[in-house]
Amino acid sequence: MQQRQAEVLKRKIAFLDPQAICESRHLGPMWRKDDHDVLSKCQTRKQRQAKRIDEHKKIRRVVVYVSLQMQRWQDWDVIWAPYYFL
């Protein structure tokens, strides 16, 4: 449907992948406490910290994806980023 709207407007419109930028991929790990399911499996504080660092690497993937797509489509008219949807 969105692509059809772009064709009707006769403009260069790009769409970011909603699955790649969804909130749960990058916001969730930031708010996890020690009793979270992912971290409760870790036995020591060092293991929990290592797991948090791994989770933060996932956040970086989202940032890299968005920045690369912005560079790729910098000459386009509109870049849609459907972010918070149900």
C-alpha atoms as a PDB file:
ATOM      1  CA  MET A   1       0.000   0.000   0.000  1.00  0.00           C
ATOM      2  CA  GLN A   2       2.754   2.476   0.878  1.00  0.00           C
ATOM      3  CA  GLN A   3       4.607   1.838  -2.349  1.00  0.00           C
ATOM      4  CA  ARG A   4       1.442   2.550  -4.320  1.00  0.00           C
ATOM      5  CA  GLN A   5       1.041   5.860  -2.537  1.00  0.00           C
ATOM      6  CA  ALA A   6       4.605   6.739  -3.494  1.00  0.00           C
ATOM      7  CA  GLU A   7       3.862   5.961  -7.145  1.00  0.00           C
ATOM      8  CA  VAL A   8       0.737   8.139  -7.090  1.00  0.00           C
ATOM      9  CA  LEU A   9       2.659  11.085  -5.650  1.00  0.00           C
ATOM     10  CA  LYS A  10       5.445  10.572  -8.220  1.00  0.00           C
ATOM     11  CA  ARG A  11       8.105  11.210  -5.626  1.00  0.00           C
ATOM     12  CA  LYS A  12      11.095   9.217  -4.523  1.00  0.00           C
ATOM     13  CA  ILE A  13      10.009   7.747  -1.192  1.00  0.00           C
ATOM     14  CA  ALA A  14      12.016   5.205   0.792  1.00  0.00           C
ATOM     15  CA  PHE A  15      10.783   3.064   3.669  1.00  0.00           C
ATOM     16  CA  LEU A  16      12.855   1.800   6.601  1.00  0.00           C
ATOM     17  CA  ASP A  17      12.155  -1.743   7.693  1.00  0.00           C
ATOM     18  CA  PRO A  18       9.849  -1.570  10.746  1.00  0.00           C
ATOM     19  CA  GLN A  19      11.144  -4.898  12.064  1.00  0.00           C
ATOM     20  CA  ALA A  20      14.714  -3.599  12.017  1.00  0.00           C
ATOM     21  CA  ILE A  21      13.956  -0.440  14.006  1.00  0.00           C
ATOM     22  CA  CYS A  22      11.236  -1.661  16.374  1.00  0.00           C
ATOM     23  CA  GLU A  23      11.393  -0.413  19.941  1.00  0.00           C
ATOM     24  CA  SER A  24      11.862  -3.816  21.519  1.00  0.00           C
ATOM     25  CA  ARG A  25      15.121  -4.345  19.613  1.00  0.00           C
ATOM     26  CA  HIS A  26      16.851  -1.335  21.078  1.00  0.00           C
ATOM     27  CA  LEU A  27      15.012   0.024  24.107  1.00  0.00           C
ATOM     28  CA  GLY A  28      14.407  -3.183  26.054  1.00  0.00           C
ATOM     29  CA  PRO A  29      18.007  -4.038  26.976  1.00  0.00           C
ATOM     30  CA  MET A  30      18.588  -0.577  28.426  1.00  0.00           C
ATOM     31  CA  TRP A  31      15.954  -1.013  31.146  1.00  0.00           C
ATOM     32  CA  ARG A  32      16.625  -4.601  32.210  1.00  0.00           C
ATOM     33  CA  LYS A  33      17.329  -5.158  35.873  1.00  0.00           C
ATOM     34  CA  ASP A  34      19.252  -8.052  37.410  1.00  0.00           C
ATOM     35  CA  ASP A  35      16.078 -10.101  37.922  1.00  0.00           C
ATOM     36  CA  HIS A  36      15.115 -10.028  34.217  1.00  0.00           C
ATOM     37  CA  ASP A  37      14.784 -13.441  32.509  1.00  0.00           C
ATOM     38  CA  VAL A  38      17.847 -12.869  30.341  1.00  0.00           C
ATOM     39  CA  LEU A  39      20.054 -11.740  33.221  1.00  0.00           C
ATOM     40  CA  SER A  40      18.726 -14.083  35.906  1.00  0.00           C
ATOM     41  CA  LYS A  41      20.449 -17.030  34.191  1.00  0.00           C
ATOM     42  CA  CYS A  42      23.817 -15.399  34.850  1.00  0.00           C
ATOM     43  CA  GLN A  43      25.436 -16.440  38.105  1.00  0.00           C
ATOM     44  CA  THR A  44      27.902 -13.630  38.747  1.00  0.00           C
ATOM     45  CA  ARG A  45      27.926  -9.882  38.360  1.00  0.00           C
ATOM     46  CA  LYS A  46      30.607 -10.137  35.663  1.00  0.00           C
ATOM     47  CA  GLN A  47      28.442 -12.472  33.616  1.00  0.00           C
ATOM     48  CA  ARG A  48      25.492 -10.089  33.900  1.00  0.00           C
ATOM     49  CA  GLN A  49      27.679  -7.191  32.815  1.00  0.00           C
ATOM     50  CA  ALA A  50      28.971  -9.179  29.841  1.00  0.00           C
ATOM     51  CA  LYS A  51      25.398 -10.021  28.854  1.00  0.00           C
ATOM     52  CA  ARG A  52      24.435  -6.333  29.063  1.00  0.00           C
ATOM     53  CA  ILE A  53      27.337  -5.452  26.782  1.00  0.00           C
ATOM     54  CA  ASP A  54      26.135  -8.052  24.267  1.00  0.00           C
ATOM     55  CA  GLU A  55      22.637  -6.579  24.428  1.00  0.00           C
ATOM     56  CA  HIS A  56      24.015  -3.089  23.808  1.00  0.00           C
ATOM     57  CA  LYS A  57      25.716  -4.375  20.664  1.00  0.00           C
ATOM     58  CA  LYS A  58      22.240  -5.127  19.328  1.00  0.00           C
ATOM     59  CA  ILE A  59      21.342  -1.491  19.904  1.00  0.00           C
ATOM     60  CA  ARG A  60      24.318  -0.453  17.796  1.00  0.00           C
ATOM     61  CA  ARG A  61      23.033  -2.613  14.929  1.00  0.00           C
ATOM     62  CA  VAL A  62      19.819  -0.579  14.828  1.00  0.00           C
ATOM     63  CA  VAL A  63      21.749   2.682  14.828  1.00  0.00           C
ATOM     64  CA  VAL A  64      24.056   1.478  12.056  1.00  0.00           C
ATOM     65  CA  TYR A  65      21.097   0.287   9.964  1.00  0.00           C
ATOM     66  CA  VAL A  66      19.320   3.647  10.192  1.00  0.00           C
ATOM     67  CA  SER A  67      22.444   5.686   9.470  1.00  0.00           C
ATOM     68  CA  LEU A  68      23.402   3.546   6.469  1.00  0.00           C
ATOM     69  CA  GLN A  69      19.928   3.805   5.007  1.00  0.00           C
ATOM     70  CA  MET A  70      19.915   7.585   5.517  1.00  0.00           C
ATOM     71  CA  GLN A  71      23.187   7.847   3.618  1.00  0.00           C
ATOM     72  CA  ARG A  72      21.938   5.516   0.903  1.00  0.00           C
ATOM     73  CA  TRP A  73      18.747   7.510   0.354  1.00  0.00           C
ATOM     74  CA  GLN A  74      20.029  11.018   1.027  1.00  0.00           C
ATOM     75  CA  ASP A  75      18.913  12.298  -2.392  1.00  0.00           C
ATOM     76  CA  TRP A  76      15.358  10.938  -2.061  1.00  0.00           C
ATOM     77  CA  ASP A  77      12.418  13.221  -1.268  1.00  0.00           C
ATOM     78  CA  VAL A  78      11.041  11.381   1.763  1.00  0.00           C
ATOM     79  CA  ILE A  79      12.297   8.605   4.047  1.00  0.00           C
ATOM     80  CA  TRP A  80       9.532   6.925   6.059  1.00  0.00           C
ATOM     81  CA  ALA A  81      10.427   5.336   9.357  1.00  0.00           C
ATOM     82  CA  PRO A  82       7.337   3.570  10.762  1.00  0.00           C
ATOM     83  CA  TYR A  83       8.358   3.251  14.365  1.00  0.00           C
ATOM     84  CA  TYR A  84       5.670   2.865  16.995  1.00  0.00           C
ATOM     85  CA  PHE A  85       2.771   0.899  15.561  1.00  0.00           C
ATOM     86  CA  LEU A  86       0.435  -1.779  16.829  1.00  0.00           C
END
